[in-house]
Amino acid sequence: MRSRSLGSNISAGFGSLGGGEVTECTQLLYHSCHEAIMRMCQHAMAFGANAVIAMRFDRNEIANTMSEVAAYGTAGGDRPEAVSGGA
């Protein structure tokens, strides 16, 4: 979960008046998505996976000041023993 600073909120408010892209919000969303992907990959690798398939995002705004981004998918590997730990 990430929150915009007061300065970013004010800047984004003025930017939205003129229309077009609000770069502060775009950057916040980009960084939040990137961090969610990295955490998902680290979690999958901790289970021995070397791939994530069917990856998706969930994104929510909370009180117009915070963004919550979740990345999820199915962890797997190119060999059956990659995820199960081998047998």
PDB file of N, CA and C in Angstrom:
ATOM      1  N   MET A   1       0.844  -1.152   0.000  1.00  0.00           N
ATOM      2  CA  MET A   1       0.000   0.000   0.000  1.00  0.00           C
ATOM      3  C   MET A   1       0.899   1.228   0.000  1.00  0.00           C
ATOM      4  N   ARG A   2       0.598   2.156  -0.838  1.00  0.00           N
ATOM      5  CA  ARG A   2       1.391   3.383  -0.939  1.00  0.00           C
ATOM      6  C   ARG A   2       0.475   4.582  -0.824  1.00  0.00           C
ATOM      7  N   SER A   3       1.033   5.645  -0.305  1.00  0.00           N
ATOM      8  CA  SER A   3       0.277   6.881  -0.144  1.00  0.00           C
ATOM      9  C   SER A   3       1.013   8.004  -0.856  1.00  0.00           C
ATOM     10  N   ARG A   4       0.246   8.865  -1.504  1.00  0.00           N
ATOM     11  CA  ARG A   4       0.836  10.050  -2.126  1.00  0.00           C
ATOM     12  C   ARG A   4       1.103  11.086  -1.047  1.00  0.00           C
ATOM     13  N   SER A   5       2.113  11.910  -1.260  1.00  0.00           N
ATOM     14  CA  SER A   5       2.418  12.987  -0.329  1.00  0.00           C
ATOM     15  C   SER A   5       1.447  14.145  -0.564  1.00  0.00           C
ATOM     16  N   LEU A   6       1.403  15.066   0.378  1.00  0.00           N
ATOM     17  CA  LEU A   6       0.530  16.223   0.250  1.00  0.00           C
ATOM     18  C   LEU A   6       0.864  17.010  -1.007  1.00  0.00           C
ATOM     19  N   GLY A   7       2.169  17.190  -1.267  1.00  0.00           N
ATOM     20  CA  GLY A   7       2.590  17.920  -2.473  1.00  0.00           C
ATOM     21  C   GLY A   7       2.133  17.227  -3.746  1.00  0.00           C
ATOM     22  N   SER A   8       2.212  15.890  -3.774  1.00  0.00           N
ATOM     23  CA  SER A   8       1.766  15.137  -4.948  1.00  0.00           C
ATOM     24  C   SER A   8       0.263  15.252  -5.130  1.00  0.00           C
ATOM     25  N   ASN A   9      -0.476  15.225  -4.034  1.00  0.00           N
ATOM     26  CA  ASN A   9      -1.931  15.375  -4.120  1.00  0.00           C
ATOM     27  C   ASN A   9      -2.312  16.730  -4.700  1.00  0.00           C
ATOM     28  N   ILE A  10      -1.650  17.785  -4.238  1.00  0.00           N
ATOM     29  CA  ILE A  10      -1.947  19.133  -4.733  1.00  0.00           C
ATOM     30  C   ILE A  10      -1.567  19.239  -6.207  1.00  0.00           C
ATOM     31  N   SER A  11      -0.374  18.759  -6.553  1.00  0.00           N
ATOM     32  CA  SER A  11       0.089  18.796  -7.937  1.00  0.00           C
ATOM     33  C   SER A  11      -0.830  17.990  -8.852  1.00  0.00           C
ATOM     34  N   ALA A  12      -1.245  16.803  -8.391  1.00  0.00           N
ATOM     35  CA  ALA A  12      -2.147  15.968  -9.187  1.00  0.00           C
ATOM     36  C   ALA A  12      -3.500  16.650  -9.358  1.00  0.00           C
ATOM     37  N   GLY A  13      -3.956  17.336  -8.328  1.00  0.00           N
ATOM     38  CA  GLY A  13      -5.227  18.059  -8.424  1.00  0.00           C
ATOM     39  C   GLY A  13      -5.188  19.134  -9.483  1.00  0.00           C
ATOM     40  N   PHE A  14      -4.110  19.919  -9.507  1.00  0.00           N
ATOM     41  CA  PHE A  14      -3.963  20.940 -10.541  1.00  0.00           C
ATOM     42  C   PHE A  14      -3.801  20.317 -11.917  1.00  0.00           C
ATOM     43  N   GLY A  15      -3.054  19.224 -11.995  1.00  0.00           N
ATOM     44  CA  GLY A  15      -2.851  18.554 -13.274  1.00  0.00           C
ATOM     45  C   GLY A  15      -4.133  17.995 -13.846  1.00  0.00           C
ATOM     46  N   SER A  16      -5.021  17.515 -12.986  1.00  0.00           N
ATOM     47  CA  SER A  16      -6.273  16.940 -13.477  1.00  0.00           C
ATOM     48  C   SER A  16      -7.225  18.009 -14.000  1.00  0.00           C
ATOM     49  N   LEU A  17      -7.049  19.261 -13.582  1.00  0.00           N
ATOM     50  CA  LEU A  17      -7.906  20.342 -14.081  1.00  0.00           C
ATOM     51  C   LEU A  17      -7.701  20.567 -15.573  1.00  0.00           C
ATOM     52  N   GLY A  18      -6.463  20.428 -16.031  1.00  0.00           N
ATOM     53  CA  GLY A  18      -6.155  20.661 -17.436  1.00  0.00           C
ATOM     54  C   GLY A  18      -6.375  19.456 -18.324  1.00  0.00           C
ATOM     55  N   GLY A  19      -6.647  18.308 -17.736  1.00  0.00           N
ATOM     56  CA  GLY A  19      -6.823  17.091 -18.518  1.00  0.00           C
ATOM     57  C   GLY A  19      -5.479  16.461 -18.851  1.00  0.00           C
ATOM     58  N   GLY A  20      -5.524  15.300 -19.445  1.00  0.00           N
ATOM     59  CA  GLY A  20      -4.303  14.602 -19.807  1.00  0.00           C
ATOM     60  C   GLY A  20      -3.795  13.715 -18.694  1.00  0.00           C
ATOM     61  N   GLU A  21      -2.567  13.261 -18.841  1.00  0.00           N
ATOM     62  CA  GLU A  21      -1.966  12.341 -17.882  1.00  0.00           C
ATOM     63  C   GLU A  21      -1.520  13.075 -16.624  1.00  0.00           C
ATOM     64  N   VAL A  22      -1.803  12.497 -15.487  1.00  0.00           N
ATOM     65  CA  VAL A  22      -1.327  13.019 -14.211  1.00  0.00           C
ATOM     66  C   VAL A  22      -0.103  12.179 -13.851  1.00  0.00           C
ATOM     67  N   THR A  23       1.075  12.712 -14.145  1.00  0.00           N
ATOM     68  CA  THR A  23       2.299  11.919 -14.053  1.00  0.00           C
ATOM     69  C   THR A  23       2.594  11.437 -12.634  1.00  0.00           C
ATOM     70  N   GLU A  24       2.202  12.204 -11.617  1.00  0.00           N
ATOM     71  CA  GLU A  24       2.425  11.768 -10.237  1.00  0.00           C
ATOM     72  C   GLU A  24       1.686  10.478  -9.953  1.00  0.00           C
ATOM     73  N   CYS A  25       0.448  10.384 -10.411  1.00  0.00           N
ATOM     74  CA  CYS A  25      -0.357   9.183 -10.201  1.00  0.00           C
ATOM     75  C   CYS A  25       0.166   8.021 -11.036  1.00  0.00           C
ATOM     76  N   THR A  26       0.597   8.315 -12.265  1.00  0.00           N
ATOM     77  CA  THR A  26       1.140   7.278 -13.133  1.00  0.00           C
ATOM     78  C   THR A  26       2.401   6.676 -12.530  1.00  0.00           C
ATOM     79  N   GLN A  27       3.274   7.521 -12.015  1.00  0.00           N
ATOM     80  CA  GLN A  27       4.508   7.030 -11.402  1.00  0.00           C
ATOM     81  C   GLN A  27       4.218   6.210 -10.149  1.00  0.00           C
ATOM     82  N   LEU A  28       3.280   6.666  -9.333  1.00  0.00           N
ATOM     83  CA  LEU A  28       2.921   5.926  -8.129  1.00  0.00           C
ATOM     84  C   LEU A  28       2.382   4.548  -8.490  1.00  0.00           C
ATOM     85  N   LEU A  29       1.514   4.480  -9.480  1.00  0.00           N
ATOM     86  CA  LEU A  29       0.951   3.200  -9.906  1.00  0.00           C
ATOM     87  C   LEU A  29       2.035   2.296 -10.492  1.00  0.00           C
ATOM     88  N   TYR A  30       2.930   2.851 -11.298  1.00  0.00           N
ATOM     89  CA  TYR A  30       4.020   2.066 -11.888  1.00  0.00           C
ATOM     90  C   TYR A  30       4.895   1.449 -10.797  1.00  0.00           C
ATOM     91  N   HIS A  31       5.314   2.268  -9.846  1.00  0.00           N
ATOM     92  CA  HIS A  31       6.186   1.772  -8.783  1.00  0.00           C
ATOM     93  C   HIS A  31       5.474   0.756  -7.897  1.00  0.00           C
ATOM     94  N   SER A  32       4.196   0.971  -7.646  1.00  0.00           N
ATOM     95  CA  SER A  32       3.423   0.021  -6.840  1.00  0.00           C
ATOM     96  C   SER A  32       3.294  -1.321  -7.551  1.00  0.00           C
ATOM     97  N   CYS A  33       3.009  -1.291  -8.853  1.00  0.00           N
ATOM     98  CA  CYS A  33       2.900  -2.534  -9.627  1.00  0.00           C
ATOM     99  C   CYS A  33       4.236  -3.257  -9.676  1.00  0.00           C
ATOM    100  N   HIS A  34       5.313  -2.519  -9.893  1.00  0.00           N
ATOM    101  CA  HIS A  34       6.648  -3.122  -9.949  1.00  0.00           C
ATOM    102  C   HIS A  34       6.989  -3.797  -8.618  1.00  0.00           C
ATOM    103  N   GLU A  35       6.720  -3.127  -7.520  1.00  0.00           N
ATOM    104  CA  GLU A  35       7.008  -3.699  -6.208  1.00  0.00           C
ATOM    105  C   GLU A  35       6.157  -4.946  -5.950  1.00  0.00           C
ATOM    106  N   ALA A  36       4.890  -4.917  -6.368  1.00  0.00           N
ATOM    107  CA  ALA A  36       4.019  -6.084  -6.186  1.00  0.00           C
ATOM    108  C   ALA A  36       4.531  -7.279  -6.997  1.00  0.00           C
ATOM    109  N   ILE A  37       5.002  -7.031  -8.224  1.00  0.00           N
ATOM    110  CA  ILE A  37       5.553  -8.117  -9.051  1.00  0.00           C
ATOM    111  C   ILE A  37       6.811  -8.692  -8.403  1.00  0.00           C
ATOM    112  N   MET A  38       7.692  -7.825  -7.921  1.00  0.00           N
ATOM    113  CA  MET A  38       8.925  -8.296  -7.300  1.00  0.00           C
ATOM    114  C   MET A  38       8.632  -9.143  -6.063  1.00  0.00           C
ATOM    115  N   ARG A  39       7.680  -8.713  -5.251  1.00  0.00           N
ATOM    116  CA  ARG A  39       7.315  -9.492  -4.059  1.00  0.00           C
ATOM    117  C   ARG A  39       6.716 -10.837  -4.439  1.00  0.00           C
ATOM    118  N   MET A  40       5.887 -10.851  -5.488  1.00  0.00           N
ATOM    119  CA  MET A  40       5.284 -12.101  -5.934  1.00  0.00           C
ATOM    120  C   MET A  40       6.379 -13.060  -6.420  1.00  0.00           C
ATOM    121  N   CYS A  41       7.338 -12.546  -7.189  1.00  0.00           N
ATOM    122  CA  CYS A  41       8.426 -13.389  -7.705  1.00  0.00           C
ATOM    123  C   CYS A  41       9.285 -13.932  -6.570  1.00  0.00           C
ATOM    124  N   GLN A  42       9.594 -13.105  -5.597  1.00  0.00           N
ATOM    125  CA  GLN A  42      10.383 -13.561  -4.451  1.00  0.00           C
ATOM    126  C   GLN A  42       9.640 -14.643  -3.674  1.00  0.00           C
ATOM    127  N   HIS A  43       8.349 -14.471  -3.507  1.00  0.00           N
ATOM    128  CA  HIS A  43       7.543 -15.461  -2.791  1.00  0.00           C
ATOM    129  C   HIS A  43       7.516 -16.781  -3.569  1.00  0.00           C
ATOM    130  N   ALA A  44       7.347 -16.705  -4.881  1.00  0.00           N
ATOM    131  CA  ALA A  44       7.328 -17.916  -5.709  1.00  0.00           C
ATOM    132  C   ALA A  44       8.678 -18.625  -5.656  1.00  0.00           C
ATOM    133  N   MET A  45       9.770 -17.872  -5.737  1.00  0.00           N
ATOM    134  CA  MET A  45      11.108 -18.474  -5.692  1.00  0.00           C
ATOM    135  C   MET A  45      11.377 -19.121  -4.335  1.00  0.00           C
ATOM    136  N   ALA A  46      10.800 -18.567  -3.276  1.00  0.00           N
ATOM    137  CA  ALA A  46      10.968 -19.163  -1.949  1.00  0.00           C
ATOM    138  C   ALA A  46      10.359 -20.562  -1.889  1.00  0.00           C
ATOM    139  N   PHE A  47       9.375 -20.817  -2.752  1.00  0.00           N
ATOM    140  CA  PHE A  47       8.757 -22.143  -2.835  1.00  0.00           C
ATOM    141  C   PHE A  47       9.421 -23.018  -3.889  1.00  0.00           C
ATOM    142  N   GLY A  48      10.499 -22.532  -4.504  1.00  0.00           N
ATOM    143  CA  GLY A  48      11.226 -23.319  -5.483  1.00  0.00           C
ATOM    144  C   GLY A  48      10.741 -23.147  -6.910  1.00  0.00           C
ATOM    145  N   ALA A  49       9.843 -22.237  -7.141  1.00  0.00           N
ATOM    146  CA  ALA A  49       9.321 -22.024  -8.498  1.00  0.00           C
ATOM    147  C   ALA A  49      10.322 -21.228  -9.325  1.00  0.00           C
ATOM    148  N   ASN A  50      10.286 -21.444 -10.630  1.00  0.00           N
ATOM    149  CA  ASN A  50      11.098 -20.632 -11.532  1.00  0.00           C
ATOM    150  C   ASN A  50      10.239 -19.967 -12.600  1.00  0.00           C
ATOM    151  N   ALA A  51       8.920 -19.970 -12.370  1.00  0.00           N
ATOM    152  CA  ALA A  51       7.992 -19.314 -13.290  1.00  0.00           C
ATOM    153  C   ALA A  51       6.711 -18.965 -12.552  1.00  0.00           C
ATOM    154  N   VAL A  52       6.031 -17.923 -13.046  1.00  0.00           N
ATOM    155  CA  VAL A  52       4.698 -17.560 -12.568  1.00  0.00           C
ATOM    156  C   VAL A  52       3.831 -17.416 -13.805  1.00  0.00           C
ATOM    157  N   ILE A  53       2.718 -18.141 -13.838  1.00  0.00           N
ATOM    158  CA  ILE A  53       1.812 -18.060 -14.993  1.00  0.00           C
ATOM    159  C   ILE A  53       0.478 -17.486 -14.541  1.00  0.00           C
ATOM    160  N   ALA A  54      -0.301 -17.026 -15.503  1.00  0.00           N
ATOM    161  CA  ALA A  54      -1.626 -16.445 -15.269  1.00  0.00           C
ATOM    162  C   ALA A  54      -1.551 -15.329 -14.233  1.00  0.00           C
ATOM    163  N   MET A  55      -0.572 -14.435 -14.383  1.00  0.00           N
ATOM    164  CA  MET A  55      -0.386 -13.343 -13.434  1.00  0.00           C
ATOM    165  C   MET A  55      -1.433 -12.256 -13.646  1.00  0.00           C
ATOM    166  N   ARG A  56      -1.921 -11.715 -12.522  1.00  0.00           N
ATOM    167  CA  ARG A  56      -2.937 -10.653 -12.576  1.00  0.00           C
ATOM    168  C   ARG A  56      -2.640  -9.608 -11.503  1.00  0.00           C
ATOM    169  N   PHE A  57      -3.281  -8.457 -11.645  1.00  0.00           N
ATOM    170  CA  PHE A  57      -3.216  -7.385 -10.660  1.00  0.00           C
ATOM    171  C   PHE A  57      -4.602  -7.128 -10.090  1.00  0.00           C
ATOM    172  N   ASP A  58      -4.647  -6.789  -8.822  1.00  0.00           N
ATOM    173  CA  ASP A  58      -5.820  -6.171  -8.206  1.00  0.00           C
ATOM    174  C   ASP A  58      -5.356  -4.819  -7.715  1.00  0.00           C
ATOM    175  N   ARG A  59      -6.141  -3.791  -7.972  1.00  0.00           N
ATOM    176  CA  ARG A  59      -5.760  -2.447  -7.546  1.00  0.00           C
ATOM    177  C   ARG A  59      -6.955  -1.765  -6.925  1.00  0.00           C
ATOM    178  N   ASN A  60      -6.737  -1.126  -5.790  1.00  0.00           N
ATOM    179  CA  ASN A  60      -7.796  -0.395  -5.092  1.00  0.00           C
ATOM    180  C   ASN A  60      -7.274   0.951  -4.629  1.00  0.00           C
ATOM    181  N   GLU A  61      -8.165   1.924  -4.592  1.00  0.00           N
ATOM    182  CA  GLU A  61      -7.864   3.230  -4.009  1.00  0.00           C
ATOM    183  C   GLU A  61      -8.544   3.284  -2.654  1.00  0.00           C
ATOM    184  N   ILE A  62      -7.848   3.806  -1.681  1.00  0.00           N
ATOM    185  CA  ILE A  62      -8.408   3.946  -0.351  1.00  0.00           C
ATOM    186  C   ILE A  62      -8.386   5.427   0.007  1.00  0.00           C
ATOM    187  N   ALA A  63      -9.558   5.997   0.208  1.00  0.00           N
ATOM    188  CA  ALA A  63      -9.716   7.403   0.618  1.00  0.00           C
ATOM    189  C   ALA A  63      -9.039   8.386  -0.337  1.00  0.00           C
ATOM    190  N   ASN A  64      -8.907   8.028  -1.600  1.00  0.00           N
ATOM    191  CA  ASN A  64      -8.301   8.892  -2.626  1.00  0.00           C
ATOM    192  C   ASN A  64      -6.882   9.346  -2.298  1.00  0.00           C
ATOM    193  N   THR A  65      -6.214   8.695  -1.344  1.00  0.00           N
ATOM    194  CA  THR A  65      -4.844   9.076  -1.021  1.00  0.00           C
ATOM    195  C   THR A  65      -3.904   7.877  -1.020  1.00  0.00           C
ATOM    196  N   MET A  66      -4.431   6.668  -0.979  1.00  0.00           N
ATOM    197  CA  MET A  66      -3.583   5.478  -0.933  1.00  0.00           C
ATOM    198  C   MET A  66      -3.968   4.529  -2.054  1.00  0.00           C
ATOM    199  N   SER A  67      -2.974   3.849  -2.581  1.00  0.00           N
ATOM    200  CA  SER A  67      -3.188   2.831  -3.605  1.00  0.00           C
ATOM    201  C   SER A  67      -2.737   1.492  -3.063  1.00  0.00           C
ATOM    202  N   GLU A  68      -3.569   0.501  -3.250  1.00  0.00           N
ATOM    203  CA  GLU A  68      -3.227  -0.859  -2.867  1.00  0.00           C
ATOM    204  C   GLU A  68      -3.136  -1.674  -4.145  1.00  0.00           C
ATOM    205  N   VAL A  69      -2.015  -2.334  -4.356  1.00  0.00           N
ATOM    206  CA  VAL A  69      -1.819  -3.142  -5.548  1.00  0.00           C
ATOM    207  C   VAL A  69      -1.395  -4.535  -5.109  1.00  0.00           C
ATOM    208  N   ALA A  70      -2.072  -5.537  -5.636  1.00  0.00           N
ATOM    209  CA  ALA A  70      -1.712  -6.924  -5.359  1.00  0.00           C
ATOM    210  C   ALA A  70      -1.453  -7.621  -6.684  1.00  0.00           C
ATOM    211  N   ALA A  71      -0.362  -8.354  -6.752  1.00  0.00           N
ATOM    212  CA  ALA A  71      -0.044  -9.168  -7.924  1.00  0.00           C
ATOM    213  C   ALA A  71      -0.153 -10.619  -7.497  1.00  0.00           C
ATOM    214  N   TYR A  72      -0.800 -11.419  -8.313  1.00  0.00           N
ATOM    215  CA  TYR A  72      -0.920 -12.830  -7.969  1.00  0.00           C
ATOM    216  C   TYR A  72      -0.906 -13.666  -9.229  1.00  0.00           C
ATOM    217  N   GLY A  73      -0.520 -14.906  -9.059  1.00  0.00           N
ATOM    218  CA  GLY A  73      -0.448 -15.837 -10.175  1.00  0.00           C
ATOM    219  C   GLY A  73      -0.168 -17.223  -9.648  1.00  0.00           C
ATOM    220  N   THR A  74       0.038 -18.136 -10.547  1.00  0.00           N
ATOM    221  CA  THR A  74       0.317 -19.520 -10.190  1.00  0.00           C
ATOM    222  C   THR A  74       1.811 -19.775 -10.343  1.00  0.00           C
ATOM    223  N   ALA A  75       2.449 -20.143  -9.233  1.00  0.00           N
ATOM    224  CA  ALA A  75       3.877 -20.441  -9.257  1.00  0.00           C
ATOM    225  C   ALA A  75       4.080 -21.840  -9.808  1.00  0.00           C
ATOM    226  N   GLY A  76       5.098 -21.984 -10.636  1.00  0.00           N
ATOM    227  CA  GLY A  76       5.372 -23.297 -11.220  1.00  0.00           C
ATOM    228  C   GLY A  76       6.812 -23.392 -11.658  1.00  0.00           C
ATOM    229  N   GLY A  77       7.108 -24.483 -12.328  1.00  0.00           N
ATOM    230  CA  GLY A  77       8.449 -24.704 -12.824  1.00  0.00           C
ATOM    231  C   GLY A  77       8.408 -25.525 -14.082  1.00  0.00           C
ATOM    232  N   ASP A  78       9.551 -25.646 -14.738  1.00  0.00           N
ATOM    233  CA  ASP A  78       9.609 -26.419 -15.971  1.00  0.00           C
ATOM    234  C   ASP A  78       9.859 -27.899 -15.704  1.00  0.00           C
ATOM    235  N   ARG A  79      10.064 -28.261 -14.442  1.00  0.00           N
ATOM    236  CA  ARG A  79      10.215 -29.661 -14.049  1.00  0.00           C
ATOM    237  C   ARG A  79       9.287 -29.920 -12.868  1.00  0.00           C
ATOM    238  N   PRO A  80       8.688 -31.083 -12.790  1.00  0.00           N
ATOM    239  CA  PRO A  80       7.771 -31.373 -11.675  1.00  0.00           C
ATOM    240  C   PRO A  80       8.432 -31.210 -10.309  1.00  0.00           C
ATOM    241  N   GLU A  81       9.705 -31.554 -10.188  1.00  0.00           N
ATOM    242  CA  GLU A  81      10.362 -31.461  -8.888  1.00  0.00           C
ATOM    243  C   GLU A  81      10.747 -30.025  -8.531  1.00  0.00           C
ATOM    244  N   ALA A  82      10.605 -29.082  -9.481  1.00  0.00           N
ATOM    245  CA  ALA A  82      11.017 -27.693  -9.220  1.00  0.00           C
ATOM    246  C   ALA A  82      10.208 -27.076  -8.089  1.00  0.00           C
ATOM    247  N   VAL A  83       8.918 -27.345  -8.017  1.00  0.00           N
ATOM    248  CA  VAL A  83       8.075 -26.727  -7.003  1.00  0.00           C
ATOM    249  C   VAL A  83       7.828 -27.673  -5.841  1.00  0.00           C
ATOM    250  N   SER A  84       7.749 -28.969  -6.099  1.00  0.00           N
ATOM    251  CA  SER A  84       7.415 -29.907  -5.042  1.00  0.00           C
ATOM    252  C   SER A  84       8.607 -30.238  -4.154  1.00  0.00           C
ATOM    253  N   GLY A  85       9.788 -29.835  -4.534  1.00  0.00           N
ATOM    254  CA  GLY A  85      10.964 -30.122  -3.729  1.00  0.00           C
ATOM    255  C   GLY A  85      11.668 -31.406  -4.120  1.00  0.00           C
ATOM    256  N   GLY A  86      11.161 -32.072  -5.138  1.00  0.00           N
ATOM    257  CA  GLY A  86      11.803 -33.294  -5.638  1.00  0.00           C
ATOM    258  C   GLY A  86      11.388 -34.523  -4.825  1.00  0.00           C
ATOM    259  N   ALA A  87      11.314 -35.626  -5.478  1.00  0.00           N
ATOM    260  CA  ALA A  87      10.916 -36.871  -4.794  1.00  0.00           C
ATOM    261  C   ALA A  87      11.655 -38.041  -5.403  1.00  0.00           C
TER     262      ALA A  87
END
